Amino acid sequence: MRVVLDANTLASGALSSTGAIAQLMDGWLTEGRFAVVSSDMILDEVERALRKRYFASRLAARDRSAFIDLLRREALMVVPRTDVGRVAADPADDHVLAAAVDGEASYLVTGDHALLALAEFRGVRIVTARELLTLLDLS
């Protein structure tokens, strides 16, 4: 099964050692319960987020870089080509939806309320980290 983790979810995964996001990261990277689909644009956004004060004060530069390298190495990278229109409230989120569609993801994990309000887009269910844990019986 393929899953897109949005940039905020992935950035949080760099710090999380407990909780839903940590469990998802473990389910992906350690247990191989699902594959993560991503794109250069999503990972560029993760990189920008990790440079912000909140993350930079908690994670050394070399650890941030190593985390991005891990994501690029382990994720199934796609180049989104689908024009999803202007579906998302934030135009940048249209790229995330396109990555999910073109990467044939079953789920998109996000904490973004506008994306969650869509609930589903072209066969991709949009859920929180906790919801995906429940669906995968990882909680």
Protein backbone atom coordinates (compact mmCIF):
# COMPACT_ATOMS: atom_id res chain seq x y z
CA MET A 1 0.00 0.00 0.00
CA ARG A 2 1.20 3.50 -0.83
CA VAL A 3 0.82 6.55 1.39
CA VAL A 4 1.70 10.22 0.98
CA LEU A 5 2.81 11.93 4.19
CA ASP A 6 2.53 15.68 3.75
CA ALA A 7 5.48 17.95 4.52
CA ASN A 8 4.35 18.86 8.03
CA THR A 9 3.84 15.21 8.91
CA LEU A 10 7.29 14.31 7.59
CA ALA A 11 8.95 17.25 9.35
CA SER A 12 7.32 16.21 12.61
CA GLY A 13 8.63 12.71 11.99
CA ALA A 14 12.17 14.07 12.27
CA LEU A 15 11.57 14.87 15.94
CA SER A 16 8.87 12.49 17.09
CA SER A 17 9.90 9.61 19.28
CA THR A 18 6.41 8.92 20.62
CA GLY A 19 2.88 9.43 19.37
CA ALA A 20 1.04 8.83 16.14
CA ILE A 21 3.63 10.27 13.78
CA ALA A 22 6.47 8.32 15.41
CA GLN A 23 4.39 5.15 15.08
CA LEU A 24 3.76 5.89 11.40
CA MET A 25 7.44 6.51 10.73
CA ASP A 26 8.26 3.24 12.48
CA GLY A 27 5.55 1.40 10.52
CA TRP A 28 7.10 2.68 7.31
CA LEU A 29 10.85 2.63 7.93
CA THR A 30 11.24 -0.22 10.40
CA GLU A 31 8.33 -2.55 9.77
CA GLY A 32 7.74 -1.89 6.06
CA ARG A 33 3.96 -1.89 6.56
CA PHE A 34 3.48 0.59 3.70
CA ALA A 35 5.46 2.58 1.14
CA VAL A 36 5.67 6.35 1.27
CA VAL A 37 5.24 8.28 -1.97
CA SER A 38 6.78 11.73 -2.15
CA SER A 39 8.03 14.34 -4.59
CA ASP A 40 10.84 16.85 -4.78
CA MET A 41 8.40 19.65 -4.00
CA ILE A 42 7.15 17.93 -0.83
CA LEU A 43 10.69 17.18 0.35
CA ASP A 44 11.82 20.73 -0.45
CA GLU A 45 9.00 21.92 1.80
CA VAL A 46 10.16 19.52 4.53
CA GLU A 47 13.68 20.92 4.19
CA ARG A 48 12.40 24.50 4.54
CA ALA A 49 10.35 23.52 7.60
CA LEU A 50 13.35 21.88 9.26
CA ARG A 51 15.34 25.11 8.89
CA LYS A 52 12.72 27.07 10.85
CA ARG A 53 13.60 27.99 14.41
CA TYR A 54 11.37 25.35 16.05
CA PHE A 55 13.08 22.44 14.29
CA ALA A 56 16.54 24.03 14.00
CA SER A 57 16.68 24.48 17.78
CA ARG A 58 15.89 20.81 18.33
CA LEU A 59 17.76 19.11 15.50
CA ALA A 60 21.38 19.67 14.44
CA ALA A 61 22.02 20.69 10.83
CA ARG A 62 23.72 17.36 10.03
CA ASP A 63 20.72 15.47 11.48
CA ARG A 64 18.30 17.55 9.40
CA SER A 65 20.37 16.80 6.31
CA ALA A 66 20.58 13.09 7.16
CA PHE A 67 16.79 12.99 7.62
CA ILE A 68 16.18 14.55 4.20
CA ASP A 69 18.66 12.10 2.65
CA LEU A 70 16.78 9.22 4.34
CA LEU A 71 13.46 10.45 2.95
CA ARG A 72 14.86 10.81 -0.57
CA ARG A 73 16.39 7.34 -0.39
CA GLU A 74 13.43 5.48 1.13
CA ALA A 75 10.41 7.20 -0.42
CA LEU A 76 9.02 6.30 -3.83
CA MET A 77 9.67 9.56 -5.64
CA VAL A 78 7.17 10.75 -8.24
CA VAL A 79 7.03 13.72 -10.56
CA PRO A 80 3.39 14.80 -10.34
CA ARG A 81 1.92 15.58 -13.73
CA THR A 82 -1.81 15.42 -13.03
CA ASP A 83 -3.58 18.75 -13.11
CA VAL A 84 -5.86 18.55 -10.10
CA GLY A 85 -7.29 21.99 -10.73
CA ARG A 86 -7.61 24.37 -7.86
CA VAL A 87 -9.03 21.90 -5.39
CA ALA A 88 -7.12 22.81 -2.25
CA ALA A 89 -7.58 26.05 -0.35
CA ASP A 90 -3.80 26.49 -0.50
CA PRO A 91 -2.52 26.14 -4.09
CA ALA A 92 0.66 24.44 -2.80
CA ASP A 93 -1.54 21.60 -1.54
CA ASP A 94 -2.66 20.84 -5.10
CA HIS A 95 0.84 19.47 -5.67
CA VAL A 96 0.45 17.13 -2.69
CA LEU A 97 -2.85 15.88 -4.11
CA ALA A 98 -1.24 15.40 -7.53
CA ALA A 99 1.62 13.42 -5.94
CA ALA A 100 -0.93 11.18 -4.22
CA VAL A 101 -2.86 10.59 -7.44
CA ASP A 102 0.19 10.06 -9.67
CA GLY A 103 1.90 7.93 -7.02
CA GLU A 104 -1.21 5.73 -6.82
CA ALA A 105 -1.45 6.31 -3.07
CA SER A 106 -4.29 4.86 -1.08
CA TYR A 107 -3.97 7.50 1.64
CA LEU A 108 -2.75 11.04 2.16
CA VAL A 109 -1.81 11.77 5.77
CA THR A 110 -2.10 15.38 6.88
CA GLY A 111 -3.09 17.57 9.77
CA ASP A 112 -4.27 20.30 7.40
CA HIS A 113 -7.95 20.95 8.14
CA ALA A 114 -8.74 22.13 4.60
CA LEU A 115 -7.32 18.92 3.08
CA LEU A 116 -8.99 16.78 5.74
CA ALA A 117 -12.31 18.43 4.87
CA LEU A 118 -12.00 16.95 1.35
CA ALA A 119 -11.97 13.45 2.95
CA GLU A 120 -11.21 11.84 -0.42
CA PHE A 121 -9.77 12.94 -3.73
CA ARG A 122 -9.78 10.76 -6.86
CA GLY A 123 -9.66 7.56 -4.84
CA VAL A 124 -7.13 8.79 -2.26
CA ARG A 125 -8.50 8.89 1.29
CA ILE A 126 -7.28 11.91 3.26
CA VAL A 127 -6.73 11.07 6.91
CA THR A 128 -4.84 12.09 10.04
CA ALA A 129 -1.85 10.13 11.32
CA ARG A 130 -4.00 8.66 14.10
CA GLU A 131 -6.69 7.57 11.63
CA LEU A 132 -4.14 5.79 9.43
CA LEU A 133 -2.71 4.01 12.47
CA THR A 134 -6.18 2.73 13.28
CA LEU A 135 -6.84 1.68 9.68
CA LEU A 136 -3.52 -0.20 9.59
CA ASP A 137 -4.02 -1.59 13.09
CA LEU A 138 -0.72 -0.07 14.20
CA SER A 139 -2.01 1.81 17.24
